[in-house]
Amino acid sequence: MVPNATVTGPGRQRVAAASEDTTAAAVEPSTAWAEYLAAARQLDGVRRGAAAAAGEQARSAEAAREELTVVRTGLASQQERLRELGVPAISLVPSPPELTEASRSMAGGPAAVLAALRAARGRAEAADAALAARRRFRPGSWPARARNLLVYGPLALLVPLIQVAVYAATGVGPASVAALICGLPMPAVAFVAGWVGVGRLFRVSPTERLDRTVRFGALVCLVPAVLVTAGLLLALLAG
């Protein structure tokens, strides 16, 4: 047989078929491995996404619990202040439509609950600011001395002003002397009336004690009377 002879016929066909089978066998494992890697990467992405979502939900739930504690504390304080202002207790309880709307807004999971609680906290803080702005114009929220001065002061000035008016109208005479003598015990009367008036006009919660500023009230009632009495006495002696 000649070495360079070309193989033809059925032998050549068998060699070609064997070569194609070998190539297909070599390609098939490579394709399966690539598909496996793609599926593994996809599953890993799903796992990472699920873990991230679970972590985000856990953080949202923890933040919602903390926010709920803050909101509850603020609302309890607000309810106490509103009861002191005379707001009926039934007005401080949410109505059924409000409860339904709140449940609907929180149906989206921990993130929705956290958003609703933050919105509620914002409204509560705005209400606190409104209450604080109104209380600045209420004498009951002032410091004790400034508040009680509104009661002690007019009572302390009432009798001295009457004495000065009598003296200005009658001059030196029996009427001025009588007004001077009658005005001597009036500081004590003004103080007692002021003490009672402070208790009637300014209310505090049952757990608190009303500060009537006794020494300050006595001083306020005494000083005008002493000054006016001394001035009238000097005027009477000079006359």
Protein backbone atom coordinates (compact mmCIF):
# COMPACT_ATOMS: atom_id res chain seq x y z
CA MET A 1 0.00 0.00 0.00
CA VAL A 2 1.26 3.43 -0.90
CA PRO A 3 1.84 5.52 2.27
CA ASN A 4 0.32 8.67 0.83
CA ALA A 5 -2.82 6.93 -0.36
CA THR A 6 -6.08 8.60 0.56
CA VAL A 7 -8.67 6.62 2.43
CA THR A 8 -12.01 6.72 0.75
CA GLY A 9 -15.31 5.00 1.17
CA PRO A 10 -16.87 3.69 4.39
CA GLY A 11 -13.65 3.95 6.38
CA ARG A 12 -13.44 7.68 5.87
CA GLN A 13 -17.10 8.11 6.98
CA ARG A 14 -16.45 6.17 10.19
CA VAL A 15 -13.46 8.36 11.06
CA ALA A 16 -15.48 11.56 10.44
CA ALA A 17 -18.39 10.37 12.62
CA ALA A 18 -16.03 9.47 15.45
CA SER A 19 -14.43 12.91 15.25
CA GLU A 20 -17.84 14.66 15.46
CA ASP A 21 -18.89 12.54 18.47
CA THR A 22 -15.66 13.42 20.26
CA THR A 23 -16.19 17.15 19.62
CA ALA A 24 -19.81 17.02 20.83
CA ALA A 25 -18.76 15.11 23.93
CA ALA A 26 -16.13 17.76 24.65
CA VAL A 27 -18.55 20.69 24.14
CA GLU A 28 -21.49 19.27 26.13
CA PRO A 29 -19.79 19.26 29.60
CA SER A 30 -18.54 22.82 29.05
CA THR A 31 -22.05 24.09 28.27
CA ALA A 32 -23.55 22.29 31.29
CA TRP A 33 -20.88 23.80 33.56
CA ALA A 34 -21.60 27.30 32.26
CA GLU A 35 -25.31 26.80 32.84
CA TYR A 36 -24.59 25.53 36.35
CA LEU A 37 -22.45 28.57 37.13
CA ALA A 38 -25.17 30.90 35.83
CA ALA A 39 -27.80 29.17 37.95
CA ALA A 40 -25.52 29.28 41.00
CA ARG A 41 -24.93 33.00 40.51
CA GLN A 42 -28.66 33.58 40.13
CA LEU A 43 -29.44 31.64 43.29
CA ASP A 44 -26.73 33.51 45.17
CA GLY A 45 -28.25 36.82 44.02
CA VAL A 46 -31.68 35.68 45.22
CA ARG A 47 -30.20 34.62 48.55
CA ARG A 48 -28.38 37.92 49.00
CA GLY A 49 -31.50 39.86 48.08
CA ALA A 50 -33.60 37.89 50.55
CA ALA A 51 -31.00 38.37 53.29
CA ALA A 52 -30.84 42.12 52.60
CA ALA A 53 -34.64 42.37 52.66
CA ALA A 54 -34.80 40.41 55.91
CA GLY A 55 -32.12 42.60 57.46
CA GLU A 56 -33.91 45.76 56.34
CA GLN A 57 -37.17 44.49 57.80
CA ALA A 58 -35.45 43.64 61.08
CA ARG A 59 -33.93 47.13 61.27
CA SER A 60 -37.27 48.72 60.43
CA ALA A 61 -39.02 46.63 63.08
CA GLU A 62 -36.46 47.62 65.72
CA ALA A 63 -36.70 51.28 64.76
CA ALA A 64 -40.51 51.03 64.84
CA ARG A 65 -40.42 49.62 68.39
CA GLU A 66 -38.20 52.48 69.54
CA GLU A 67 -40.39 55.04 67.77
CA LEU A 68 -43.50 53.52 69.34
CA THR A 69 -42.02 53.94 72.82
CA VAL A 70 -41.27 57.61 72.15
CA VAL A 71 -44.72 58.25 70.68
CA ARG A 72 -46.49 56.54 73.58
CA THR A 73 -44.55 58.59 76.13
CA GLY A 74 -45.31 61.84 74.32
CA LEU A 75 -49.01 61.03 73.93
CA ALA A 76 -49.35 60.12 77.61
CA SER A 77 -47.86 63.47 78.59
CA GLN A 78 -50.13 65.28 76.14
CA GLN A 79 -53.23 63.53 77.46
CA GLU A 80 -52.34 64.55 81.00
CA ARG A 81 -51.95 68.20 80.02
CA LEU A 82 -55.16 68.18 77.98
CA ARG A 83 -57.10 66.69 80.90
CA GLU A 84 -55.77 69.49 83.09
CA LEU A 85 -57.12 71.97 80.53
CA GLY A 86 -60.56 70.40 80.79
CA VAL A 87 -60.64 68.35 77.57
CA PRO A 88 -63.13 65.44 77.92
CA ALA A 89 -61.56 62.00 78.13
CA ILE A 90 -63.69 60.70 75.25
CA SER A 91 -62.12 63.29 72.95
CA LEU A 92 -58.67 61.84 73.64
CA VAL A 93 -59.61 58.34 72.37
CA PRO A 94 -59.35 57.60 68.61
CA SER A 95 -62.62 56.99 66.81
CA PRO A 96 -63.31 53.78 64.80
CA PRO A 97 -62.72 55.50 61.42
CA GLU A 98 -59.38 56.80 62.68
CA LEU A 99 -58.40 53.31 63.84
CA THR A 100 -59.38 51.87 60.45
CA GLU A 101 -57.32 54.46 58.59
CA ALA A 102 -54.33 53.85 60.88
CA SER A 103 -54.55 50.07 60.31
CA ARG A 104 -54.70 50.59 56.56
CA SER A 105 -51.64 52.83 56.59
CA MET A 106 -49.62 50.22 58.50
CA ALA A 107 -50.52 47.18 56.39
CA GLY A 108 -47.34 47.38 54.32
CA GLY A 109 -44.99 45.83 56.85
CA PRO A 110 -42.41 47.25 59.29
CA ALA A 111 -41.31 50.03 56.93
CA ALA A 112 -44.89 51.30 56.59
CA VAL A 113 -45.38 51.07 60.37
CA LEU A 114 -42.18 53.05 60.95
CA ALA A 115 -43.28 55.74 58.49
CA ALA A 116 -46.72 55.99 60.16
CA LEU A 117 -45.15 56.27 63.62
CA ARG A 118 -42.77 58.98 62.47
CA ALA A 119 -45.69 60.90 60.98
CA ALA A 120 -47.60 60.51 64.27
CA ARG A 121 -44.57 61.73 66.20
CA GLY A 122 -44.36 64.80 63.95
CA ARG A 123 -48.02 65.61 64.58
CA ALA A 124 -47.57 65.13 68.33
CA GLU A 125 -44.58 67.48 68.39
CA ALA A 126 -46.56 70.07 66.42
CA ALA A 127 -49.38 69.77 68.96
CA ASP A 128 -46.84 70.23 71.79
CA ALA A 129 -45.58 73.39 70.13
CA ALA A 130 -49.14 74.71 69.79
CA LEU A 131 -49.88 73.96 73.45
CA ALA A 132 -46.66 75.65 74.54
CA ALA A 133 -47.50 78.73 72.48
CA ARG A 134 -50.94 78.95 74.10
CA ARG A 135 -49.59 78.38 77.60
CA ARG A 136 -47.23 81.35 77.28
CA PHE A 137 -50.31 83.58 77.35
CA ARG A 138 -51.91 81.78 80.29
CA PRO A 139 -50.99 83.15 83.75
CA GLY A 140 -51.30 79.64 85.16
CA SER A 141 -48.13 78.66 83.28
CA TRP A 142 -46.11 81.64 84.51
CA PRO A 143 -43.60 81.45 87.39
CA ALA A 144 -45.29 81.37 90.79
CA ARG A 145 -44.32 84.89 91.88
CA ALA A 146 -45.34 86.57 88.63
CA ARG A 147 -48.60 84.62 88.59
CA ASN A 148 -49.48 85.37 92.22
CA LEU A 149 -48.59 89.04 91.81
CA LEU A 150 -51.68 89.36 89.60
CA VAL A 151 -53.75 88.57 92.73
CA TYR A 152 -51.75 90.07 95.59
CA GLY A 153 -50.88 93.28 93.76
CA PRO A 154 -54.37 94.74 93.11
CA LEU A 155 -55.53 93.79 96.60
CA ALA A 156 -52.47 95.41 98.16
CA LEU A 157 -53.05 98.67 96.25
CA LEU A 158 -56.80 98.91 96.79
CA VAL A 159 -56.87 100.38 100.32
CA PRO A 160 -53.82 102.68 99.92
CA LEU A 161 -55.39 104.19 96.79
CA ILE A 162 -58.64 104.78 98.69
CA GLN A 163 -56.69 106.48 101.50
CA VAL A 164 -54.88 108.74 99.04
CA ALA A 165 -58.17 109.59 97.32
CA VAL A 166 -59.82 110.50 100.66
CA TYR A 167 -56.89 112.69 101.65
CA ALA A 168 -56.87 114.40 98.25
CA ALA A 169 -60.61 115.06 98.49
CA THR A 170 -60.87 116.19 102.13
CA GLY A 171 -57.37 117.29 103.01
CA VAL A 172 -56.29 117.29 106.64
CA GLY A 173 -59.33 116.37 108.68
CA PRO A 174 -61.28 113.66 110.46
CA ALA A 175 -61.96 111.75 107.23
CA SER A 176 -58.28 111.40 106.43
CA VAL A 177 -57.50 110.34 110.00
CA ALA A 178 -60.29 107.74 109.90
CA ALA A 179 -59.06 106.41 106.55
CA LEU A 180 -55.54 106.18 107.95
CA ILE A 181 -56.66 104.29 111.05
CA CYS A 182 -58.96 101.96 109.12
CA GLY A 183 -56.16 101.18 106.68
CA LEU A 184 -53.79 99.84 109.34
CA PRO A 185 -55.16 96.24 109.42
CA MET A 186 -55.86 96.17 105.69
CA PRO A 187 -52.52 94.58 104.63
CA ALA A 188 -53.44 91.46 106.62
CA VAL A 189 -56.91 91.42 105.05
CA ALA A 190 -55.42 91.87 101.57
CA PHE A 191 -52.98 89.01 102.17
CA VAL A 192 -55.70 86.59 103.31
CA ALA A 193 -57.90 87.53 100.37
CA GLY A 194 -54.95 87.06 98.00
CA TRP A 195 -54.09 83.68 99.52
CA VAL A 196 -57.64 82.47 98.96
CA GLY A 197 -57.79 84.03 95.49
CA VAL A 198 -54.62 82.27 94.32
CA GLY A 199 -56.14 78.92 95.30
CA ARG A 200 -59.37 79.69 93.48
CA LEU A 201 -57.93 81.12 90.28
CA PHE A 202 -54.97 78.83 89.62
CA ARG A 203 -55.42 75.07 89.49
CA VAL A 204 -52.80 72.35 89.55
CA SER A 205 -52.95 68.58 89.14
CA PRO A 206 -53.88 66.49 92.20
CA THR A 207 -50.29 65.27 92.51
CA GLU A 208 -48.86 68.81 92.70
CA ARG A 209 -48.97 71.43 95.45
CA LEU A 210 -49.94 75.00 94.61
CA ASP A 211 -47.22 77.48 95.48
CA ARG A 212 -48.91 80.52 97.02
CA THR A 213 -45.57 82.30 97.68
CA VAL A 214 -46.62 83.26 101.22
CA ARG A 215 -43.64 85.45 102.09
CA PHE A 216 -43.68 87.20 98.75
CA GLY A 217 -47.44 87.80 99.03
CA ALA A 218 -47.12 89.22 102.54
CA LEU A 219 -44.36 91.57 101.38
CA VAL A 220 -46.41 92.73 98.38
CA CYS A 221 -49.41 93.47 100.62
CA LEU A 222 -47.34 95.21 103.31
CA VAL A 223 -45.05 97.54 101.33
CA PRO A 224 -47.72 99.77 99.66
CA ALA A 225 -49.63 100.10 102.94
CA VAL A 226 -46.51 101.09 104.88
CA LEU A 227 -45.41 103.65 102.30
CA VAL A 228 -48.85 105.26 101.97
CA THR A 229 -49.41 105.24 105.75
CA ALA A 230 -46.06 106.90 106.36
CA GLY A 231 -46.75 109.50 103.67
CA LEU A 232 -50.23 110.31 104.99
CA LEU A 233 -48.97 110.48 108.57
CA LEU A 234 -46.27 112.96 107.60
CA ALA A 235 -48.83 114.99 105.64
CA LEU A 236 -51.23 115.04 108.58
CA LEU A 237 -48.50 116.08 110.99
CA ALA A 238 -47.34 118.81 108.65
CA GLY A 239 -50.90 120.05 108.26
